[in-house]
Amino acid sequence: MQLNFPLNVTATGNQLTAEFIASVESAPPVFSVKVKGKFSAVGDRSELEELSSKLLRGPPDPQLLQLVTSMVFFEVMLLLKELGIPPMLPITPPQQPSQQPPDTFRPL
């Protein structure tokens, strides 16, 4: 999943609104979904100015990124379920047989 912040940030009074685009692709390439959305934050003017500057100048706050990512991921999985696409499964590496070290002590 790739999440792009922000497309547009607007602040009015004690509310900040920011737009984003989330792109989800499968491997092997079965589907590709792009979701465009907005989120709103309400708080003190100083908190909103700090959030706005973080969004505009660099990577967003990890807590905000986690919140938006989890919500978008849920919506995309719901959309894919409605379209009849099976859920994504994590690719696990193949299991290697465990090798035990040779016995160094043998009973007599």
PDB file of N, CA and C in Angstrom:
ATOM      1  N   MET A   1       0.845  -1.167   0.000  1.00  0.00           N
ATOM      2  CA  MET A   1       0.000   0.000   0.000  1.00  0.00           C
ATOM      3  C   MET A   1       0.889   1.227   0.000  1.00  0.00           C
ATOM      4  N   GLN A   2       0.544   2.164  -0.835  1.00  0.00           N
ATOM      5  CA  GLN A   2       1.275   3.425  -0.888  1.00  0.00           C
ATOM      6  C   GLN A   2       0.298   4.536  -0.561  1.00  0.00           C
ATOM      7  N   LEU A   3       0.692   5.447   0.325  1.00  0.00           N
ATOM      8  CA  LEU A   3      -0.169   6.533   0.764  1.00  0.00           C
ATOM      9  C   LEU A   3       0.534   7.840   0.485  1.00  0.00           C
ATOM     10  N   ASN A   4      -0.120   8.735  -0.267  1.00  0.00           N
ATOM     11  CA  ASN A   4       0.468  10.030  -0.604  1.00  0.00           C
ATOM     12  C   ASN A   4      -0.248  11.131   0.161  1.00  0.00           C
ATOM     13  N   PHE A   5       0.521  11.912   0.926  1.00  0.00           N
ATOM     14  CA  PHE A   5       0.018  13.043   1.692  1.00  0.00           C
ATOM     15  C   PHE A   5       0.670  14.283   1.166  1.00  0.00           C
ATOM     16  N   PRO A   6       0.199  15.410   1.425  1.00  0.00           N
ATOM     17  CA  PRO A   6      -1.194  15.778   1.271  1.00  0.00           C
ATOM     18  C   PRO A   6      -1.378  16.331  -0.119  1.00  0.00           C
ATOM     19  N   LEU A   7      -2.546  16.257  -0.638  1.00  0.00           N
ATOM     20  CA  LEU A   7      -2.838  16.901  -1.911  1.00  0.00           C
ATOM     21  C   LEU A   7      -3.266  18.334  -1.670  1.00  0.00           C
ATOM     22  N   ASN A   8      -4.025  18.526  -0.616  1.00  0.00           N
ATOM     23  CA  ASN A   8      -4.529  19.852  -0.305  1.00  0.00           C
ATOM     24  C   ASN A   8      -4.792  19.913   1.192  1.00  0.00           C
ATOM     25  N   VAL A   9      -4.286  20.939   1.859  1.00  0.00           N
ATOM     26  CA  VAL A   9      -4.514  21.118   3.287  1.00  0.00           C
ATOM     27  C   VAL A   9      -5.202  22.454   3.482  1.00  0.00           C
ATOM     28  N   THR A  10      -6.351  22.439   4.169  1.00  0.00           N
ATOM     29  CA  THR A  10      -7.062  23.678   4.469  1.00  0.00           C
ATOM     30  C   THR A  10      -7.359  23.720   5.956  1.00  0.00           C
ATOM     31  N   ALA A  11      -7.205  24.895   6.535  1.00  0.00           N
ATOM     32  CA  ALA A  11      -7.492  25.087   7.953  1.00  0.00           C
ATOM     33  C   ALA A  11      -8.505  26.214   8.089  1.00  0.00           C
ATOM     34  N   THR A  12      -9.587  25.930   8.806  1.00  0.00           N
ATOM     35  CA  THR A  12     -10.605  26.942   9.075  1.00  0.00           C
ATOM     36  C   THR A  12     -10.957  26.869  10.549  1.00  0.00           C
ATOM     37  N   GLY A  13     -10.733  27.954  11.251  1.00  0.00           N
ATOM     38  CA  GLY A  13     -11.050  27.991  12.674  1.00  0.00           C
ATOM     39  C   GLY A  13     -10.279  26.941  13.442  1.00  0.00           C
ATOM     40  N   ASN A  14     -11.010  26.019  14.051  1.00  0.00           N
ATOM     41  CA  ASN A  14     -10.352  24.969  14.839  1.00  0.00           C
ATOM     42  C   ASN A  14     -10.411  23.614  14.139  1.00  0.00           C
ATOM     43  N   GLN A  15     -10.491  23.610  12.792  1.00  0.00           N
ATOM     44  CA  GLN A  15     -10.546  22.358  12.030  1.00  0.00           C
ATOM     45  C   GLN A  15      -9.562  22.399  10.873  1.00  0.00           C
ATOM     46  N   LEU A  16      -8.870  21.278  10.667  1.00  0.00           N
ATOM     47  CA  LEU A  16      -7.930  21.125   9.558  1.00  0.00           C
ATOM     48  C   LEU A  16      -8.414  19.957   8.705  1.00  0.00           C
ATOM     49  N   THR A  17      -8.429  20.156   7.390  1.00  0.00           N
ATOM     50  CA  THR A  17      -8.833  19.101   6.461  1.00  0.00           C
ATOM     51  C   THR A  17      -7.705  18.880   5.478  1.00  0.00           C
ATOM     52  N   ALA A  18      -7.357  17.617   5.240  1.00  0.00           N
ATOM     53  CA  ALA A  18      -6.292  17.280   4.293  1.00  0.00           C
ATOM     54  C   ALA A  18      -6.770  16.154   3.389  1.00  0.00           C
ATOM     55  N   GLU A  19      -6.368  16.220   2.123  1.00  0.00           N
ATOM     56  CA  GLU A  19      -6.706  15.188   1.153  1.00  0.00           C
ATOM     57  C   GLU A  19      -5.508  14.259   0.978  1.00  0.00           C
ATOM     58  N   PHE A  20      -5.789  13.021   0.586  1.00  0.00           N
ATOM     59  CA  PHE A  20      -4.728  12.046   0.350  1.00  0.00           C
ATOM     60  C   PHE A  20      -5.163  11.093  -0.746  1.00  0.00           C
ATOM     61  N   ILE A  21      -4.198  10.354  -1.286  1.00  0.00           N
ATOM     62  CA  ILE A  21      -4.465   9.283  -2.244  1.00  0.00           C
ATOM     63  C   ILE A  21      -3.767   8.031  -1.733  1.00  0.00           C
ATOM     64  N   ALA A  22      -4.509   6.926  -1.715  1.00  0.00           N
ATOM     65  CA  ALA A  22      -3.948   5.631  -1.334  1.00  0.00           C
ATOM     66  C   ALA A  22      -4.006   4.719  -2.545  1.00  0.00           C
ATOM     67  N   SER A  23      -2.925   4.013  -2.798  1.00  0.00           N
ATOM     68  CA  SER A  23      -2.848   3.091  -3.924  1.00  0.00           C
ATOM     69  C   SER A  23      -2.522   1.705  -3.390  1.00  0.00           C
ATOM     70  N   VAL A  24      -3.357   0.726  -3.735  1.00  0.00           N
ATOM     71  CA  VAL A  24      -3.159  -0.652  -3.297  1.00  0.00           C
ATOM     72  C   VAL A  24      -3.072  -1.525  -4.535  1.00  0.00           C
ATOM     73  N   GLU A  25      -2.005  -2.314  -4.621  1.00  0.00           N
ATOM     74  CA  GLU A  25      -1.812  -3.213  -5.760  1.00  0.00           C
ATOM     75  C   GLU A  25      -1.474  -4.597  -5.238  1.00  0.00           C
ATOM     76  N   SER A  26      -1.852  -5.603  -6.009  1.00  0.00           N
ATOM     77  CA  SER A  26      -1.562  -6.971  -5.592  1.00  0.00           C
ATOM     78  C   SER A  26      -0.377  -7.519  -6.363  1.00  0.00           C
ATOM     79  N   ALA A  27       0.236  -8.549  -5.798  1.00  0.00           N
ATOM     80  CA  ALA A  27       1.314  -9.262  -6.480  1.00  0.00           C
ATOM     81  C   ALA A  27       1.003 -10.738  -6.354  1.00  0.00           C
ATOM     82  N   PRO A  28       0.718 -11.435  -7.406  1.00  0.00           N
ATOM     83  CA  PRO A  28       0.745 -11.063  -8.819  1.00  0.00           C
ATOM     84  C   PRO A  28      -0.332 -10.022  -9.134  1.00  0.00           C
ATOM     85  N   PRO A  29      -0.128  -9.296 -10.224  1.00  0.00           N
ATOM     86  CA  PRO A  29      -1.017  -8.169 -10.524  1.00  0.00           C
ATOM     87  C   PRO A  29      -2.436  -8.600 -10.914  1.00  0.00           C
ATOM     88  N   VAL A  30      -3.288  -8.783  -9.908  1.00  0.00           N
ATOM     89  CA  VAL A  30      -4.682  -9.141 -10.135  1.00  0.00           C
ATOM     90  C   VAL A  30      -5.556  -7.896 -10.082  1.00  0.00           C
ATOM     91  N   PHE A  31      -5.213  -6.969  -9.184  1.00  0.00           N
ATOM     92  CA  PHE A  31      -6.002  -5.753  -9.061  1.00  0.00           C
ATOM     93  C   PHE A  31      -5.114  -4.579  -8.684  1.00  0.00           C
ATOM     94  N   SER A  32      -5.641  -3.402  -8.939  1.00  0.00           N
ATOM     95  CA  SER A  32      -5.010  -2.149  -8.544  1.00  0.00           C
ATOM     96  C   SER A  32      -6.135  -1.193  -8.167  1.00  0.00           C
ATOM     97  N   VAL A  33      -6.089  -0.666  -6.946  1.00  0.00           N
ATOM     98  CA  VAL A  33      -7.141   0.214  -6.452  1.00  0.00           C
ATOM     99  C   VAL A  33      -6.509   1.517  -5.996  1.00  0.00           C
ATOM    100  N   LYS A  34      -7.102   2.632  -6.410  1.00  0.00           N
ATOM    101  CA  LYS A  34      -6.682   3.941  -5.916  1.00  0.00           C
ATOM    102  C   LYS A  34      -7.868   4.573  -5.208  1.00  0.00           C
ATOM    103  N   VAL A  35      -7.630   5.029  -3.995  1.00  0.00           N
ATOM    104  CA  VAL A  35      -8.674   5.642  -3.187  1.00  0.00           C
ATOM    105  C   VAL A  35      -8.250   7.065  -2.877  1.00  0.00           C
ATOM    106  N   LYS A  36      -9.133   8.010  -3.171  1.00  0.00           N
ATOM    107  CA  LYS A  36      -8.875   9.407  -2.845  1.00  0.00           C
ATOM    108  C   LYS A  36      -9.784   9.758  -1.678  1.00  0.00           C
ATOM    109  N   GLY A  37      -9.220  10.362  -0.643  1.00  0.00           N
ATOM    110  CA  GLY A  37     -10.023  10.660   0.535  1.00  0.00           C
ATOM    111  C   GLY A  37      -9.595  11.926   1.234  1.00  0.00           C
ATOM    112  N   LYS A  38     -10.333  12.246   2.294  1.00  0.00           N
ATOM    113  CA  LYS A  38     -10.048  13.407   3.134  1.00  0.00           C
ATOM    114  C   LYS A  38     -10.107  12.966   4.585  1.00  0.00           C
ATOM    115  N   PHE A  39      -9.354  13.648   5.415  1.00  0.00           N
ATOM    116  CA  PHE A  39      -9.516  13.461   6.847  1.00  0.00           C
ATOM    117  C   PHE A  39      -9.565  14.832   7.494  1.00  0.00           C
ATOM    118  N   SER A  40     -10.241  14.899   8.621  1.00  0.00           N
ATOM    119  CA  SER A  40     -10.383  16.158   9.348  1.00  0.00           C
ATOM    120  C   SER A  40      -9.835  15.989  10.750  1.00  0.00           C
ATOM    121  N   ALA A  41      -9.203  17.035  11.241  1.00  0.00           N
ATOM    122  CA  ALA A  41      -8.694  17.061  12.609  1.00  0.00           C
ATOM    123  C   ALA A  41      -9.235  18.317  13.280  1.00  0.00           C
ATOM    124  N   VAL A  42      -9.665  18.177  14.516  1.00  0.00           N
ATOM    125  CA  VAL A  42     -10.196  19.292  15.286  1.00  0.00           C
ATOM    126  C   VAL A  42      -9.320  19.470  16.513  1.00  0.00           C
ATOM    127  N   GLY A  43      -8.979  20.727  16.825  1.00  0.00           N
ATOM    128  CA  GLY A  43      -8.146  20.987  17.989  1.00  0.00           C
ATOM    129  C   GLY A  43      -7.824  22.459  18.126  1.00  0.00           C
ATOM    130  N   ASP A  44      -6.868  22.748  18.993  1.00  0.00           N
ATOM    131  CA  ASP A  44      -6.422  24.127  19.173  1.00  0.00           C
ATOM    132  C   ASP A  44      -5.712  24.606  17.919  1.00  0.00           C
ATOM    133  N   ARG A  45      -5.713  25.901  17.731  1.00  0.00           N
ATOM    134  CA  ARG A  45      -5.070  26.477  16.549  1.00  0.00           C
ATOM    135  C   ARG A  45      -3.583  26.126  16.501  1.00  0.00           C
ATOM    136  N   SER A  46      -2.896  26.137  17.642  1.00  0.00           N
ATOM    137  CA  SER A  46      -1.459  25.823  17.655  1.00  0.00           C
ATOM    138  C   SER A  46      -1.219  24.358  17.266  1.00  0.00           C
ATOM    139  N   GLU A  47      -2.077  23.453  17.748  1.00  0.00           N
ATOM    140  CA  GLU A  47      -1.940  22.038  17.386  1.00  0.00           C
ATOM    141  C   GLU A  47      -2.170  21.829  15.895  1.00  0.00           C
ATOM    142  N   LEU A  48      -3.163  22.526  15.346  1.00  0.00           N
ATOM    143  CA  LEU A  48      -3.466  22.380  13.927  1.00  0.00           C
ATOM    144  C   LEU A  48      -2.369  22.968  13.052  1.00  0.00           C
ATOM    145  N   GLU A  49      -1.761  24.074  13.489  1.00  0.00           N
ATOM    146  CA  GLU A  49      -0.638  24.647  12.738  1.00  0.00           C
ATOM    147  C   GLU A  49       0.546  23.685  12.733  1.00  0.00           C
ATOM    148  N   GLU A  50       0.800  23.039  13.872  1.00  0.00           N
ATOM    149  CA  GLU A  50       1.892  22.062  13.957  1.00  0.00           C
ATOM    150  C   GLU A  50       1.619  20.869  13.042  1.00  0.00           C
ATOM    151  N   LEU A  51       0.387  20.369  13.044  1.00  0.00           N
ATOM    152  CA  LEU A  51       0.007  19.250  12.184  1.00  0.00           C
ATOM    153  C   LEU A  51       0.120  19.638  10.716  1.00  0.00           C
ATOM    154  N   SER A  52      -0.327  20.830  10.383  1.00  0.00           N
ATOM    155  CA  SER A  52      -0.253  21.304   8.998  1.00  0.00           C
ATOM    156  C   SER A  52       1.188  21.409   8.531  1.00  0.00           C
ATOM    157  N   SER A  53       2.064  21.939   9.380  1.00  0.00           N
ATOM    158  CA  SER A  53       3.468  22.065   8.985  1.00  0.00           C
ATOM    159  C   SER A  53       4.116  20.690   8.821  1.00  0.00           C
ATOM    160  N   LYS A  54       3.748  19.725   9.673  1.00  0.00           N
ATOM    161  CA  LYS A  54       4.286  18.366   9.529  1.00  0.00           C
ATOM    162  C   LYS A  54       3.824  17.735   8.224  1.00  0.00           C
ATOM    163  N   LEU A  55       2.560  17.958   7.864  1.00  0.00           N
ATOM    164  CA  LEU A  55       2.033  17.391   6.623  1.00  0.00           C
ATOM    165  C   LEU A  55       2.691  18.005   5.396  1.00  0.00           C
ATOM    166  N   LEU A  56       2.953  19.302   5.450  1.00  0.00           N
ATOM    167  CA  LEU A  56       3.475  19.996   4.273  1.00  0.00           C
ATOM    168  C   LEU A  56       4.979  19.855   4.096  1.00  0.00           C
ATOM    169  N   ARG A  57       5.732  19.666   5.176  1.00  0.00           N
ATOM    170  CA  ARG A  57       7.193  19.695   5.035  1.00  0.00           C
ATOM    171  C   ARG A  57       7.874  18.342   5.076  1.00  0.00           C
ATOM    172  N   GLY A  58       7.192  17.308   5.458  1.00  0.00           N
ATOM    173  CA  GLY A  58       7.901  16.037   5.558  1.00  0.00           C
ATOM    174  C   GLY A  58       6.962  14.884   5.759  1.00  0.00           C
ATOM    175  N   PRO A  59       7.523  13.776   6.205  1.00  0.00           N
ATOM    176  CA  PRO A  59       6.660  12.618   6.427  1.00  0.00           C
ATOM    177  C   PRO A  59       5.646  12.922   7.528  1.00  0.00           C
ATOM    178  N   PRO A  60       4.414  12.453   7.351  1.00  0.00           N
ATOM    179  CA  PRO A  60       3.389  12.738   8.355  1.00  0.00           C
ATOM    180  C   PRO A  60       3.663  12.020   9.669  1.00  0.00           C
ATOM    181  N   ASP A  61       2.972  12.455  10.683  1.00  0.00           N
ATOM    182  CA  ASP A  61       3.076  11.869  12.009  1.00  0.00           C
ATOM    183  C   ASP A  61       2.753  10.375  11.941  1.00  0.00           C
ATOM    184  N   PRO A  62       3.565   9.500  12.550  1.00  0.00           N
ATOM    185  CA  PRO A  62       3.322   8.056  12.468  1.00  0.00           C
ATOM    186  C   PRO A  62       1.944   7.634  12.978  1.00  0.00           C
ATOM    187  N   GLN A  63       1.440   8.289  14.022  1.00  0.00           N
ATOM    188  CA  GLN A  63       0.118   7.933  14.540  1.00  0.00           C
ATOM    189  C   GLN A  63      -0.973   8.274  13.529  1.00  0.00           C
ATOM    190  N   LEU A  64      -0.850   9.418  12.882  1.00  0.00           N
ATOM    191  CA  LEU A  64      -1.814   9.817  11.862  1.00  0.00           C
ATOM    192  C   LEU A  64      -1.734   8.878  10.667  1.00  0.00           C
ATOM    193  N   LEU A  65      -0.530   8.548  10.267  1.00  0.00           N
ATOM    194  CA  LEU A  65      -0.326   7.637   9.146  1.00  0.00           C
ATOM    195  C   LEU A  65      -0.932   6.265   9.446  1.00  0.00           C
ATOM    196  N   GLN A  66      -0.745   5.761  10.658  1.00  0.00           N
ATOM    197  CA  GLN A  66      -1.316   4.474  11.060  1.00  0.00           C
ATOM    198  C   GLN A  66      -2.837   4.523  11.027  1.00  0.00           C
ATOM    199  N   LEU A  67      -3.418   5.597  11.523  1.00  0.00           N
ATOM    200  CA  LEU A  67      -4.871   5.735  11.549  1.00  0.00           C
ATOM    201  C   LEU A  67      -5.450   5.741  10.139  1.00  0.00           C
ATOM    202  N   VAL A  68      -4.897   6.572   9.271  1.00  0.00           N
ATOM    203  CA  VAL A  68      -5.405   6.676   7.905  1.00  0.00           C
ATOM    204  C   VAL A  68      -5.171   5.371   7.148  1.00  0.00           C
ATOM    205  N   THR A  69      -4.005   4.766   7.305  1.00  0.00           N
ATOM    206  CA  THR A  69      -3.693   3.520   6.607  1.00  0.00           C
ATOM    207  C   THR A  69      -4.652   2.405   7.005  1.00  0.00           C
ATOM    208  N   SER A  70      -4.918   2.261   8.293  1.00  0.00           N
ATOM    209  CA  SER A  70      -5.815   1.187   8.727  1.00  0.00           C
ATOM    210  C   SER A  70      -7.236   1.411   8.229  1.00  0.00           C
ATOM    211  N   MET A  71      -7.700   2.654   8.224  1.00  0.00           N
ATOM    212  CA  MET A  71      -9.051   2.934   7.723  1.00  0.00           C
ATOM    213  C   MET A  71      -9.142   2.683   6.218  1.00  0.00           C
ATOM    214  N   VAL A  72      -8.139   3.125   5.472  1.00  0.00           N
ATOM    215  CA  VAL A  72      -8.148   2.927   4.020  1.00  0.00           C
ATOM    216  C   VAL A  72      -8.045   1.442   3.691  1.00  0.00           C
ATOM    217  N   PHE A  73      -7.196   0.715   4.400  1.00  0.00           N
ATOM    218  CA  PHE A  73      -7.032  -0.713   4.140  1.00  0.00           C
ATOM    219  C   PHE A  73      -8.350  -1.453   4.367  1.00  0.00           C
ATOM    220  N   PHE A  74      -9.068  -1.098   5.432  1.00  0.00           N
ATOM    221  CA  PHE A  74     -10.367  -1.711   5.696  1.00  0.00           C
ATOM    222  C   PHE A  74     -11.336  -1.431   4.554  1.00  0.00           C
ATOM    223  N   GLU A  75     -11.403  -0.183   4.106  1.00  0.00           N
ATOM    224  CA  GLU A  75     -12.322   0.181   3.025  1.00  0.00           C
ATOM    225  C   GLU A  75     -11.972  -0.546   1.729  1.00  0.00           C
ATOM    226  N   VAL A  76     -10.686  -0.659   1.427  1.00  0.00           N
ATOM    227  CA  VAL A  76     -10.268  -1.343   0.196  1.00  0.00           C
ATOM    228  C   VAL A  76     -10.610  -2.828   0.275  1.00  0.00           C
ATOM    229  N   MET A  77     -10.367  -3.465   1.415  1.00  0.00           N
ATOM    230  CA  MET A  77     -10.698  -4.883   1.558  1.00  0.00           C
ATOM    231  C   MET A  77     -12.206  -5.108   1.443  1.00  0.00           C
ATOM    232  N   LEU A  78     -13.004  -4.198   1.988  1.00  0.00           N
ATOM    233  CA  LEU A  78     -14.457  -4.295   1.867  1.00  0.00           C
ATOM    234  C   LEU A  78     -14.886  -4.151   0.407  1.00  0.00           C
ATOM    235  N   LEU A  79     -14.295  -3.205  -0.303  1.00  0.00           N
ATOM    236  CA  LEU A  79     -14.593  -3.009  -1.723  1.00  0.00           C
ATOM    237  C   LEU A  79     -14.226  -4.250  -2.532  1.00  0.00           C
ATOM    238  N   LEU A  80     -13.051  -4.809  -2.280  1.00  0.00           N
ATOM    239  CA  LEU A  80     -12.615  -5.997  -3.012  1.00  0.00           C
ATOM    240  C   LEU A  80     -13.513  -7.196  -2.719  1.00  0.00           C
ATOM    241  N   LYS A  81     -13.985  -7.304  -1.485  1.00  0.00           N
ATOM    242  CA  LYS A  81     -14.905  -8.391  -1.140  1.00  0.00           C
ATOM    243  C   LYS A  81     -16.206  -8.238  -1.917  1.00  0.00           C
ATOM    244  N   GLU A  82     -16.712  -7.013  -2.010  1.00  0.00           N
ATOM    245  CA  GLU A  82     -17.947  -6.769  -2.761  1.00  0.00           C
ATOM    246  C   GLU A  82     -17.769  -7.067  -4.245  1.00  0.00           C
ATOM    247  N   LEU A  83     -16.558  -6.877  -4.758  1.00  0.00           N
ATOM    248  CA  LEU A  83     -16.286  -7.161  -6.171  1.00  0.00           C
ATOM    249  C   LEU A  83     -16.001  -8.641  -6.423  1.00  0.00           C
ATOM    250  N   GLY A  84     -15.881  -9.433  -5.356  1.00  0.00           N
ATOM    251  CA  GLY A  84     -15.656 -10.866  -5.499  1.00  0.00           C
ATOM    252  C   GLY A  84     -14.200 -11.261  -5.619  1.00  0.00           C
ATOM    253  N   ILE A  85     -13.295 -10.367  -5.282  1.00  0.00           N
ATOM    254  CA  ILE A  85     -11.864 -10.678  -5.330  1.00  0.00           C
ATOM    255  C   ILE A  85     -11.473 -11.294  -3.990  1.00  0.00           C
ATOM    256  N   PRO A  86     -10.793 -12.449  -3.997  1.00  0.00           N
ATOM    257  CA  PRO A  86     -10.443 -13.094  -2.727  1.00  0.00           C
ATOM    258  C   PRO A  86      -9.491 -12.226  -1.902  1.00  0.00           C
ATOM    259  N   PRO A  87      -9.535 -12.401  -0.573  1.00  0.00           N
ATOM    260  CA  PRO A  87      -8.675 -11.581   0.290  1.00  0.00           C
ATOM    261  C   PRO A  87      -7.200 -11.859   0.048  1.00  0.00           C
ATOM    262  N   MET A  88      -6.406 -10.819   0.285  1.00  0.00           N
ATOM    263  CA  MET A  88      -4.960 -10.964   0.130  1.00  0.00           C
ATOM    264  C   MET A  88      -4.420 -11.794   1.282  1.00  0.00           C
ATOM    265  N   LEU A  89      -3.516 -12.669   0.963  1.00  0.00           N
ATOM    266  CA  LEU A  89      -2.844 -13.463   1.978  1.00  0.00           C
ATOM    267  C   LEU A  89      -1.370 -13.100   1.971  1.00  0.00           C
ATOM    268  N   PRO A  90      -0.776 -12.956   3.135  1.00  0.00           N
ATOM    269  CA  PRO A  90       0.654 -12.651   3.157  1.00  0.00           C
ATOM    270  C   PRO A  90       1.454 -13.820   2.592  1.00  0.00           C
ATOM    271  N   ILE A  91       2.465 -13.494   1.849  1.00  0.00           N
ATOM    272  CA  ILE A  91       3.331 -14.523   1.282  1.00  0.00           C
ATOM    273  C   ILE A  91       4.350 -14.913   2.338  1.00  0.00           C
ATOM    274  N   THR A  92       4.323 -16.176   2.713  1.00  0.00           N
ATOM    275  CA  THR A  92       5.266 -16.648   3.720  1.00  0.00           C
ATOM    276  C   THR A  92       6.419 -17.354   3.028  1.00  0.00           C
ATOM    277  N   PRO A  93       7.621 -17.167   3.520  1.00  0.00           N
ATOM    278  CA  PRO A  93       8.757 -17.861   2.916  1.00  0.00           C
ATOM    279  C   PRO A  93       8.630 -19.360   3.153  1.00  0.00           C
ATOM    280  N   PRO A  94       9.150 -20.165   2.242  1.00  0.00           N
ATOM    281  CA  PRO A  94       9.053 -21.617   2.424  1.00  0.00           C
ATOM    282  C   PRO A  94       9.800 -22.055   3.680  1.00  0.00           C
ATOM    283  N   GLN A  95       9.219 -23.036   4.351  1.00  0.00           N
ATOM    284  CA  GLN A  95       9.828 -23.563   5.569  1.00  0.00           C
ATOM    285  C   GLN A  95      11.028 -24.424   5.215  1.00  0.00           C
ATOM    286  N   GLN A  96      12.122 -24.191   5.894  1.00  0.00           N
ATOM    287  CA  GLN A  96      13.303 -25.016   5.708  1.00  0.00           C
ATOM    288  C   GLN A  96      13.353 -26.022   6.848  1.00  0.00           C
ATOM    289  N   PRO A  97      13.704 -27.257   6.526  1.00  0.00           N
ATOM    290  CA  PRO A  97      13.780 -28.247   7.611  1.00  0.00           C
ATOM    291  C   PRO A  97      14.852 -27.838   8.618  1.00  0.00           C
ATOM    292  N   SER A  98      14.503 -28.003   9.874  1.00  0.00           N
ATOM    293  CA  SER A  98      15.472 -27.620  10.905  1.00  0.00           C
ATOM    294  C   SER A  98      16.586 -28.655  10.962  1.00  0.00           C
ATOM    295  N   GLN A  99      17.780 -28.157  10.989  1.00  0.00           N
ATOM    296  CA  GLN A  99      18.943 -29.041  11.055  1.00  0.00           C
ATOM    297  C   GLN A  99      19.470 -29.022  12.480  1.00  0.00           C
ATOM    298  N   GLN A 100      19.553 -30.211  13.055  1.00  0.00           N
ATOM    299  CA  GLN A 100      20.063 -30.308  14.406  1.00  0.00           C
ATOM    300  C   GLN A 100      21.567 -30.529  14.347  1.00  0.00           C
ATOM    301  N   PRO A 101      22.286 -29.911  15.256  1.00  0.00           N
ATOM    302  CA  PRO A 101      23.737 -30.121  15.259  1.00  0.00           C
ATOM    303  C   PRO A 101      24.053 -31.578  15.593  1.00  0.00           C
ATOM    304  N   PRO A 102      25.141 -32.097  15.057  1.00  0.00           N
ATOM    305  CA  PRO A 102      25.505 -33.492  15.359  1.00  0.00           C
ATOM    306  C   PRO A 102      25.785 -33.655  16.849  1.00  0.00           C
ATOM    307  N   ASP A 103      25.467 -34.838  17.334  1.00  0.00           N
ATOM    308  CA  ASP A 103      25.712 -35.121  18.748  1.00  0.00           C
ATOM    309  C   ASP A 103      27.208 -35.145  19.010  1.00  0.00           C
ATOM    310  N   THR A 104      27.620 -34.452  20.027  1.00  0.00           N
ATOM    311  CA  THR A 104      29.040 -34.469  20.380  1.00  0.00           C
ATOM    312  C   THR A 104      29.321 -35.503  21.465  1.00  0.00           C
ATOM    313  N   PHE A 105      28.307 -35.826  22.238  1.00  0.00           N
ATOM    314  CA  PHE A 105      28.467 -36.826  23.290  1.00  0.00           C
ATOM    315  C   PHE A 105      27.599 -38.021  22.944  1.00  0.00           C
ATOM    316  N   ARG A 106      28.213 -39.180  23.027  1.00  0.00           N
ATOM    317  CA  ARG A 106      27.470 -40.406  22.778  1.00  0.00           C
ATOM    318  C   ARG A 106      27.579 -41.287  24.009  1.00  0.00           C
ATOM    319  N   PRO A 107      26.476 -41.855  24.398  1.00  0.00           N
ATOM    320  CA  PRO A 107      26.556 -42.743  25.571  1.00  0.00           C
ATOM    321  C   PRO A 107      27.354 -43.997  25.240  1.00  0.00           C
ATOM    322  N   LEU A 108      28.103 -44.497  26.196  1.00  0.00           N
ATOM    323  CA  LEU A 108      28.907 -45.706  25.996  1.00  0.00           C
ATOM    324  C   LEU A 108      28.185 -46.944  26.378  1.00  0.00           C
TER     325      LEU A 108
END
